Amino acid sequence: MKKIPSIKLPIIKNGDSSNHILSDITKNKKIIIFGVPGAFTPTCSEKHLPGFINLYNQFQAKGIHDIYCLSVNDVFVMKAWLESYPKGYLINGIADGNADFTKTMQLTIDYSGGFMGTRCKRFALLADQNNIVKLFIEEKGEFFVSSAENILNNI
């Protein structure tokens, strides 16, 4: 069974950012991490992130402690993106600027043709005690299996 990697990354929580070992802050918890190709991009901004914000209370009712949104963006972009939503503070951000998590989890996708470089595939995972219990990876250009609605139905 795959585990949440022990990688130091900038984490945005309640508008503040600091660097943490990801596996340290997710241990002893049931969490969701969903990954998007880029902050402020259309599907990510109009569907993916808002879906998790809107269903946040339902995830909590199912025992989810924290929800994280990961993107291959710097911490300033991730912070601004989360803050652009009235309830964006409900979701924690992971700024995977060097794609360390993305590469470790073999979730890279090449968007060089769109001048975006190496990005993260759209995905969502459910982890319990740092064990990845379920992993949903989208095909390029798709948005269904990693949606908040689908994840909620698969918990």
N, C-alpha and C. Protein backbone atom coordinates (compact mmCIF):
# COMPACT_ATOMS: atom_id res chain seq x y z
N MET A 1 0.84 -1.18 0.00
CA MET A 1 0.00 0.00 0.00
C MET A 1 0.89 1.25 0.00
N LYS A 2 0.57 2.19 -0.88
CA LYS A 2 1.33 3.43 -0.93
C LYS A 2 1.04 4.28 0.29
N LYS A 3 2.04 5.08 0.64
CA LYS A 3 1.90 5.98 1.78
C LYS A 3 2.06 7.43 1.33
N ILE A 4 1.57 8.35 2.15
CA ILE A 4 1.82 9.77 1.91
C ILE A 4 3.32 9.97 2.03
N PRO A 5 3.95 10.58 1.03
CA PRO A 5 5.42 10.73 1.08
C PRO A 5 5.89 11.72 2.14
N SER A 6 7.08 11.47 2.65
CA SER A 6 7.72 12.37 3.63
C SER A 6 8.52 13.43 2.88
N ILE A 7 7.81 14.41 2.38
CA ILE A 7 8.40 15.48 1.58
C ILE A 7 8.07 16.81 2.25
N LYS A 8 9.06 17.69 2.32
CA LYS A 8 8.84 19.02 2.89
C LYS A 8 8.26 19.94 1.83
N LEU A 9 7.08 20.51 2.12
CA LEU A 9 6.38 21.36 1.17
C LEU A 9 5.73 22.54 1.89
N PRO A 10 5.53 23.65 1.18
CA PRO A 10 4.77 24.76 1.76
C PRO A 10 3.28 24.38 1.86
N ILE A 11 2.73 24.53 3.05
CA ILE A 11 1.32 24.24 3.31
C ILE A 11 0.63 25.55 3.67
N ILE A 12 -0.50 25.81 3.05
CA ILE A 12 -1.30 27.01 3.35
C ILE A 12 -2.50 26.56 4.16
N LYS A 13 -2.64 27.14 5.35
CA LYS A 13 -3.76 26.80 6.23
C LYS A 13 -4.29 28.09 6.84
N ASN A 14 -5.56 28.35 6.65
CA ASN A 14 -6.19 29.56 7.19
C ASN A 14 -5.45 30.83 6.80
N GLY A 15 -4.95 30.89 5.58
CA GLY A 15 -4.29 32.09 5.09
C GLY A 15 -2.82 32.21 5.44
N ASP A 16 -2.31 31.32 6.27
CA ASP A 16 -0.89 31.34 6.64
C ASP A 16 -0.17 30.20 5.93
N SER A 17 1.09 30.41 5.63
CA SER A 17 1.86 29.34 5.00
C SER A 17 3.13 29.07 5.78
N SER A 18 3.48 27.80 5.84
CA SER A 18 4.74 27.38 6.45
C SER A 18 5.11 26.02 5.87
N ASN A 19 6.38 25.71 5.96
CA ASN A 19 6.89 24.46 5.40
C ASN A 19 6.74 23.32 6.40
N HIS A 20 6.26 22.19 5.90
CA HIS A 20 6.03 21.02 6.75
C HIS A 20 6.40 19.75 5.99
N ILE A 21 6.77 18.72 6.73
CA ILE A 21 6.88 17.38 6.15
C ILE A 21 5.45 16.87 6.02
N LEU A 22 5.02 16.60 4.80
CA LEU A 22 3.62 16.27 4.55
C LEU A 22 3.15 15.09 5.39
N SER A 23 3.94 14.04 5.47
CA SER A 23 3.52 12.86 6.23
C SER A 23 3.41 13.14 7.73
N ASP A 24 4.11 14.16 8.23
CA ASP A 24 4.01 14.52 9.65
C ASP A 24 2.68 15.19 9.97
N ILE A 25 2.20 16.05 9.07
CA ILE A 25 0.96 16.78 9.37
C ILE A 25 -0.29 15.99 9.01
N THR A 26 -0.13 14.87 8.30
CA THR A 26 -1.29 14.06 7.94
C THR A 26 -1.39 12.76 8.73
N LYS A 27 -0.38 12.47 9.56
CA LYS A 27 -0.42 11.21 10.32
C LYS A 27 -1.56 11.27 11.34
N ASN A 28 -2.07 10.12 11.68
CA ASN A 28 -3.16 9.98 12.64
C ASN A 28 -4.43 10.70 12.21
N LYS A 29 -4.59 10.89 10.89
CA LYS A 29 -5.77 11.57 10.37
C LYS A 29 -6.29 10.84 9.14
N LYS A 30 -7.55 11.08 8.87
CA LYS A 30 -8.18 10.65 7.62
C LYS A 30 -8.29 11.91 6.76
N ILE A 31 -7.61 11.91 5.62
CA ILE A 31 -7.51 13.14 4.82
C ILE A 31 -7.79 12.86 3.34
N ILE A 32 -8.06 13.95 2.65
CA ILE A 32 -8.17 13.92 1.19
C ILE A 32 -7.14 14.90 0.64
N ILE A 33 -6.43 14.48 -0.38
CA ILE A 33 -5.60 15.39 -1.16
C ILE A 33 -6.12 15.30 -2.59
N PHE A 34 -6.47 16.46 -3.15
CA PHE A 34 -6.81 16.46 -4.57
C PHE A 34 -5.83 17.37 -5.29
N GLY A 35 -5.44 16.95 -6.46
CA GLY A 35 -4.44 17.67 -7.23
C GLY A 35 -5.04 18.23 -8.50
N VAL A 36 -4.57 19.41 -8.86
CA VAL A 36 -5.05 20.09 -10.06
C VAL A 36 -3.86 20.51 -10.92
N PRO A 37 -4.05 20.61 -12.24
CA PRO A 37 -2.95 21.03 -13.10
C PRO A 37 -2.46 22.45 -12.83
N GLY A 38 -3.36 23.34 -12.41
CA GLY A 38 -2.90 24.70 -12.15
C GLY A 38 -3.95 25.56 -11.45
N ALA A 39 -3.49 26.35 -10.49
CA ALA A 39 -4.37 27.33 -9.84
C ALA A 39 -4.85 28.32 -10.89
N PHE A 40 -6.05 28.80 -10.72
CA PHE A 40 -6.67 29.81 -11.58
C PHE A 40 -6.99 29.30 -12.99
N THR A 41 -6.80 28.02 -13.28
CA THR A 41 -7.17 27.49 -14.59
C THR A 41 -8.66 27.15 -14.58
N PRO A 42 -9.32 27.12 -15.75
CA PRO A 42 -10.79 27.04 -15.78
C PRO A 42 -11.43 25.88 -15.01
N THR A 43 -11.14 24.64 -15.34
CA THR A 43 -11.81 23.52 -14.66
C THR A 43 -11.46 23.49 -13.18
N CYS A 44 -10.22 23.79 -12.87
CA CYS A 44 -9.78 23.78 -11.47
C CYS A 44 -10.54 24.83 -10.66
N SER A 45 -10.72 26.01 -11.25
CA SER A 45 -11.33 27.14 -10.56
C SER A 45 -12.85 27.11 -10.55
N GLU A 46 -13.43 26.56 -11.61
CA GLU A 46 -14.89 26.58 -11.73
C GLU A 46 -15.56 25.33 -11.17
N LYS A 47 -14.82 24.22 -11.12
CA LYS A 47 -15.45 22.96 -10.70
C LYS A 47 -14.72 22.25 -9.56
N HIS A 48 -13.41 22.01 -9.73
CA HIS A 48 -12.71 21.12 -8.80
C HIS A 48 -12.64 21.70 -7.38
N LEU A 49 -11.99 22.84 -7.23
CA LEU A 49 -11.87 23.45 -5.90
C LEU A 49 -13.24 23.82 -5.31
N PRO A 50 -14.14 24.47 -6.06
CA PRO A 50 -15.45 24.79 -5.49
C PRO A 50 -16.23 23.56 -5.03
N GLY A 51 -16.07 22.44 -5.73
CA GLY A 51 -16.76 21.22 -5.31
C GLY A 51 -16.37 20.78 -3.91
N PHE A 52 -15.07 20.82 -3.62
CA PHE A 52 -14.61 20.42 -2.28
C PHE A 52 -15.00 21.45 -1.22
N ILE A 53 -15.01 22.73 -1.59
CA ILE A 53 -15.46 23.76 -0.64
C ILE A 53 -16.94 23.53 -0.32
N ASN A 54 -17.75 23.35 -1.35
CA ASN A 54 -19.20 23.21 -1.16
C ASN A 54 -19.59 21.96 -0.39
N LEU A 55 -18.82 20.90 -0.50
CA LEU A 55 -19.15 19.64 0.19
C LEU A 55 -18.33 19.42 1.46
N TYR A 56 -17.61 20.44 1.89
CA TYR A 56 -16.71 20.34 3.04
C TYR A 56 -17.41 19.73 4.26
N ASN A 57 -18.57 20.25 4.62
CA ASN A 57 -19.27 19.75 5.82
C ASN A 57 -19.67 18.28 5.68
N GLN A 58 -20.02 17.87 4.47
CA GLN A 58 -20.38 16.47 4.26
C GLN A 58 -19.16 15.56 4.39
N PHE A 59 -18.00 16.05 3.95
CA PHE A 59 -16.76 15.28 4.15
C PHE A 59 -16.45 15.16 5.64
N GLN A 60 -16.62 16.26 6.38
CA GLN A 60 -16.37 16.23 7.83
C GLN A 60 -17.30 15.22 8.50
N ALA A 61 -18.55 15.19 8.07
CA ALA A 61 -19.53 14.26 8.64
C ALA A 61 -19.13 12.80 8.38
N LYS A 62 -18.34 12.56 7.34
CA LYS A 62 -17.88 11.20 7.04
C LYS A 62 -16.51 10.91 7.66
N GLY A 63 -16.05 11.79 8.55
CA GLY A 63 -14.82 11.53 9.29
C GLY A 63 -13.55 12.06 8.67
N ILE A 64 -13.64 12.89 7.65
CA ILE A 64 -12.45 13.48 7.04
C ILE A 64 -11.98 14.63 7.91
N HIS A 65 -10.71 14.59 8.33
CA HIS A 65 -10.15 15.63 9.19
C HIS A 65 -9.74 16.86 8.41
N ASP A 66 -9.05 16.66 7.29
CA ASP A 66 -8.54 17.78 6.50
C ASP A 66 -8.64 17.46 5.02
N ILE A 67 -8.82 18.52 4.23
CA ILE A 67 -8.81 18.42 2.77
C ILE A 67 -7.71 19.34 2.27
N TYR A 68 -6.87 18.80 1.39
CA TYR A 68 -5.74 19.54 0.82
C TYR A 68 -5.90 19.62 -0.69
N CYS A 69 -5.60 20.78 -1.24
CA CYS A 69 -5.54 20.97 -2.69
C CYS A 69 -4.08 21.18 -3.07
N LEU A 70 -3.58 20.38 -3.99
CA LEU A 70 -2.19 20.44 -4.41
C LEU A 70 -2.10 20.88 -5.86
N SER A 71 -1.13 21.75 -6.13
CA SER A 71 -0.85 22.15 -7.51
C SER A 71 0.63 22.45 -7.65
N VAL A 72 1.15 22.28 -8.86
CA VAL A 72 2.54 22.65 -9.15
C VAL A 72 2.55 24.16 -9.40
N ASN A 73 2.42 24.88 -8.31
CA ASN A 73 2.47 26.35 -8.29
C ASN A 73 3.25 26.76 -7.06
N ASP A 74 3.71 28.02 -7.05
CA ASP A 74 4.40 28.51 -5.87
C ASP A 74 3.39 28.86 -4.78
N VAL A 75 3.90 29.06 -3.58
CA VAL A 75 3.05 29.29 -2.41
C VAL A 75 2.23 30.57 -2.55
N PHE A 76 2.77 31.58 -3.22
CA PHE A 76 2.06 32.85 -3.36
C PHE A 76 0.83 32.69 -4.27
N VAL A 77 0.98 31.95 -5.34
CA VAL A 77 -0.13 31.69 -6.26
C VAL A 77 -1.20 30.85 -5.56
N MET A 78 -0.79 29.79 -4.87
CA MET A 78 -1.75 28.93 -4.18
C MET A 78 -2.51 29.70 -3.11
N LYS A 79 -1.81 30.52 -2.36
CA LYS A 79 -2.44 31.32 -1.31
C LYS A 79 -3.46 32.28 -1.92
N ALA A 80 -3.08 32.98 -2.98
CA ALA A 80 -3.98 33.93 -3.63
C ALA A 80 -5.21 33.21 -4.20
N TRP A 81 -4.99 32.03 -4.76
CA TRP A 81 -6.10 31.28 -5.35
C TRP A 81 -7.10 30.86 -4.27
N LEU A 82 -6.62 30.30 -3.18
CA LEU A 82 -7.52 29.90 -2.10
C LEU A 82 -8.26 31.10 -1.52
N GLU A 83 -7.55 32.21 -1.38
CA GLU A 83 -8.16 33.42 -0.82
C GLU A 83 -9.16 34.08 -1.77
N SER A 84 -9.16 33.68 -3.03
CA SER A 84 -10.11 34.26 -3.99
C SER A 84 -11.52 33.68 -3.82
N TYR A 85 -11.68 32.69 -2.96
CA TYR A 85 -12.98 32.08 -2.66
C TYR A 85 -13.41 32.49 -1.26
N PRO A 86 -14.69 32.89 -1.08
CA PRO A 86 -15.15 33.29 0.26
C PRO A 86 -14.88 32.24 1.34
N LYS A 87 -15.01 30.97 1.00
CA LYS A 87 -14.76 29.90 1.99
C LYS A 87 -13.53 29.08 1.63
N GLY A 88 -12.60 29.66 0.90
CA GLY A 88 -11.38 28.97 0.50
C GLY A 88 -10.54 28.52 1.67
N TYR A 89 -10.72 29.18 2.82
CA TYR A 89 -9.96 28.83 4.03
C TYR A 89 -10.29 27.42 4.52
N LEU A 90 -11.40 26.84 4.07
CA LEU A 90 -11.75 25.48 4.49
C LEU A 90 -10.78 24.44 3.94
N ILE A 91 -10.18 24.76 2.80
CA ILE A 91 -9.28 23.83 2.12
C ILE A 91 -7.84 24.26 2.38
N ASN A 92 -6.98 23.32 2.73
CA ASN A 92 -5.56 23.60 2.91
C ASN A 92 -4.86 23.48 1.55
N GLY A 93 -3.91 24.35 1.31
CA GLY A 93 -3.18 24.31 0.05
C GLY A 93 -1.83 23.64 0.20
N ILE A 94 -1.41 22.94 -0.84
CA ILE A 94 -0.07 22.38 -0.91
C ILE A 94 0.57 22.95 -2.17
N ALA A 95 1.60 23.76 -1.97
CA ALA A 95 2.31 24.37 -3.10
C ALA A 95 3.47 23.46 -3.50
N ASP A 96 3.24 22.65 -4.50
CA ASP A 96 4.23 21.68 -4.97
C ASP A 96 5.06 22.31 -6.10
N GLY A 97 5.64 23.46 -5.82
CA GLY A 97 6.33 24.27 -6.83
C GLY A 97 7.39 23.54 -7.62
N ASN A 98 8.12 22.65 -7.01
CA ASN A 98 9.16 21.88 -7.70
C ASN A 98 8.65 20.52 -8.19
N ALA A 99 7.36 20.29 -8.02
CA ALA A 99 6.72 19.02 -8.40
C ALA A 99 7.30 17.82 -7.67
N ASP A 100 7.79 18.02 -6.45
CA ASP A 100 8.38 16.92 -5.69
C ASP A 100 7.35 15.83 -5.36
N PHE A 101 6.21 16.23 -4.82
CA PHE A 101 5.14 15.27 -4.53
C PHE A 101 4.67 14.63 -5.83
N THR A 102 4.43 15.47 -6.82
CA THR A 102 3.91 15.01 -8.11
C THR A 102 4.82 13.97 -8.74
N LYS A 103 6.12 14.21 -8.71
CA LYS A 103 7.08 13.25 -9.28
C LYS A 103 7.14 11.97 -8.45
N THR A 104 7.19 12.12 -7.12
CA THR A 104 7.27 10.95 -6.24
C THR A 104 6.06 10.03 -6.43
N MET A 105 4.90 10.63 -6.62
CA MET A 105 3.67 9.85 -6.77
C MET A 105 3.41 9.45 -8.23
N GLN A 106 4.34 9.79 -9.11
CA GLN A 106 4.23 9.48 -10.54
C GLN A 106 2.94 10.04 -11.14
N LEU A 107 2.69 11.32 -10.84
CA LEU A 107 1.48 11.99 -11.30
C LEU A 107 1.80 13.15 -12.24
N THR A 108 2.98 13.15 -12.84
CA THR A 108 3.35 14.27 -13.72
C THR A 108 2.64 14.15 -15.07
N ILE A 109 2.39 15.32 -15.64
CA ILE A 109 1.84 15.42 -16.98
C ILE A 109 2.52 16.60 -17.67
N ASP A 110 2.81 16.44 -18.94
CA ASP A 110 3.54 17.48 -19.68
C ASP A 110 2.56 18.40 -20.39
N TYR A 111 2.53 19.64 -19.94
CA TYR A 111 1.70 20.67 -20.56
C TYR A 111 2.57 21.71 -21.26
N SER A 112 3.74 21.29 -21.72
CA SER A 112 4.65 22.22 -22.41
C SER A 112 4.00 22.83 -23.64
N GLY A 113 3.16 22.07 -24.31
CA GLY A 113 2.47 22.59 -25.49
C GLY A 113 1.58 23.77 -25.18
N GLY A 114 1.14 23.86 -23.94
CA GLY A 114 0.31 24.99 -23.48
C GLY A 114 1.12 25.99 -22.68
N PHE A 115 2.46 25.89 -22.76
CA PHE A 115 3.39 26.78 -22.06
C PHE A 115 3.23 26.73 -20.54
N MET A 116 2.87 25.55 -20.03
CA MET A 116 2.71 25.39 -18.59
C MET A 116 3.75 24.44 -18.00
N GLY A 117 4.54 23.76 -18.85
CA GLY A 117 5.58 22.87 -18.36
C GLY A 117 5.04 21.62 -17.69
N THR A 118 5.82 21.10 -16.75
CA THR A 118 5.42 19.90 -16.00
C THR A 118 4.38 20.29 -14.97
N ARG A 119 3.30 19.57 -14.98
CA ARG A 119 2.20 19.81 -14.05
C ARG A 119 1.78 18.51 -13.40
N CYS A 120 0.80 18.62 -12.53
CA CYS A 120 0.23 17.47 -11.84
C CYS A 120 -1.02 17.02 -12.58
N LYS A 121 -1.16 15.72 -12.74
CA LYS A 121 -2.41 15.18 -13.28
C LYS A 121 -3.53 15.53 -12.30
N ARG A 122 -4.71 15.66 -12.81
CA ARG A 122 -5.87 15.86 -11.94
C ARG A 122 -6.12 14.54 -11.21
N PHE A 123 -6.17 14.59 -9.88
CA PHE A 123 -6.35 13.37 -9.09
C PHE A 123 -7.00 13.70 -7.75
N ALA A 124 -7.40 12.68 -7.05
CA ALA A 124 -7.82 12.80 -5.66
C ALA A 124 -7.45 11.50 -4.96
N LEU A 125 -7.03 11.64 -3.71
CA LEU A 125 -6.72 10.44 -2.93
C LEU A 125 -7.31 10.56 -1.54
N LEU A 126 -7.63 9.42 -1.00
CA LEU A 126 -8.10 9.30 0.36
C LEU A 126 -7.02 8.55 1.13
N ALA A 127 -6.57 9.13 2.24
CA ALA A 127 -5.54 8.49 3.06
C ALA A 127 -6.01 8.41 4.50
N ASP A 128 -5.66 7.33 5.14
CA ASP A 128 -5.98 7.11 6.55
C ASP A 128 -4.70 6.66 7.24
N GLN A 129 -4.28 7.39 8.27
CA GLN A 129 -3.03 7.09 8.97
C GLN A 129 -1.85 7.07 8.00
N ASN A 130 -1.86 7.94 7.02
CA ASN A 130 -0.82 8.07 5.98
C ASN A 130 -0.81 6.94 4.96
N ASN A 131 -1.73 6.00 5.07
CA ASN A 131 -1.88 4.95 4.06
C ASN A 131 -2.86 5.43 3.00
N ILE A 132 -2.45 5.39 1.74
CA ILE A 132 -3.34 5.81 0.66
C ILE A 132 -4.31 4.67 0.40
N VAL A 133 -5.56 4.91 0.77
CA VAL A 133 -6.60 3.90 0.69
C VAL A 133 -7.22 3.86 -0.71
N LYS A 134 -7.42 5.03 -1.30
CA LYS A 134 -8.00 5.12 -2.65
C LYS A 134 -7.29 6.23 -3.41
N LEU A 135 -7.08 5.99 -4.70
CA LEU A 135 -6.44 6.98 -5.57
C LEU A 135 -7.22 7.03 -6.88
N PHE A 136 -7.70 8.21 -7.21
CA PHE A 136 -8.48 8.43 -8.42
C PHE A 136 -7.70 9.37 -9.33
N ILE A 137 -7.32 8.90 -10.51
CA ILE A 137 -6.52 9.70 -11.44
C ILE A 137 -7.32 9.91 -12.73
N GLU A 138 -7.42 11.16 -13.14
CA GLU A 138 -8.15 11.50 -14.36
C GLU A 138 -7.28 11.30 -15.59
N GLU A 139 -7.90 10.99 -16.70
CA GLU A 139 -7.25 11.04 -18.00
C GLU A 139 -7.12 12.51 -18.38
N LYS A 140 -6.15 12.84 -19.20
CA LYS A 140 -5.91 14.23 -19.60
C LYS A 140 -7.20 14.84 -20.16
N GLY A 141 -7.55 16.01 -19.64
CA GLY A 141 -8.73 16.73 -20.10
C GLY A 141 -10.04 16.28 -19.49
N GLU A 142 -10.01 15.24 -18.66
CA GLU A 142 -11.23 14.72 -18.05
C GLU A 142 -11.44 15.31 -16.65
N PHE A 143 -12.70 15.29 -16.20
CA PHE A 143 -13.02 15.69 -14.84
C PHE A 143 -14.25 14.92 -14.39
N PHE A 144 -14.03 13.84 -13.67
CA PHE A 144 -15.12 13.09 -13.07
C PHE A 144 -14.65 12.32 -11.84
N VAL A 145 -13.71 11.38 -12.04
CA VAL A 145 -13.35 10.48 -10.94
C VAL A 145 -12.74 11.21 -9.75
N SER A 146 -12.12 12.37 -9.97
CA SER A 146 -11.50 13.10 -8.86
C SER A 146 -12.40 14.21 -8.32
N SER A 147 -13.63 14.29 -8.83
CA SER A 147 -14.55 15.34 -8.37
C SER A 147 -14.94 15.10 -6.91
N ALA A 148 -15.30 16.17 -6.24
CA ALA A 148 -15.71 16.08 -4.84
C ALA A 148 -16.90 15.14 -4.69
N GLU A 149 -17.84 15.22 -5.62
CA GLU A 149 -19.03 14.38 -5.56
C GLU A 149 -18.66 12.90 -5.65
N ASN A 150 -17.77 12.56 -6.57
CA ASN A 150 -17.37 11.16 -6.72
C ASN A 150 -16.59 10.66 -5.50
N ILE A 151 -15.72 11.50 -4.97
CA ILE A 151 -14.95 11.10 -3.79
C ILE A 151 -15.88 10.89 -2.60
N LEU A 152 -16.83 11.80 -2.41
CA LEU A 152 -17.79 11.68 -1.31
C LEU A 152 -18.56 10.36 -1.43
N ASN A 153 -18.93 9.99 -2.63
CA ASN A 153 -19.67 8.74 -2.85
C ASN A 153 -18.81 7.49 -2.68
N ASN A 154 -17.49 7.66 -2.64
CA ASN A 154 -16.58 6.51 -2.54
C ASN A 154 -15.88 6.41 -1.19
N ILE A 155 -16.34 7.17 -0.23
CA ILE A 155 -15.75 7.08 1.12
C ILE A 155 -16.47 5.99 1.89
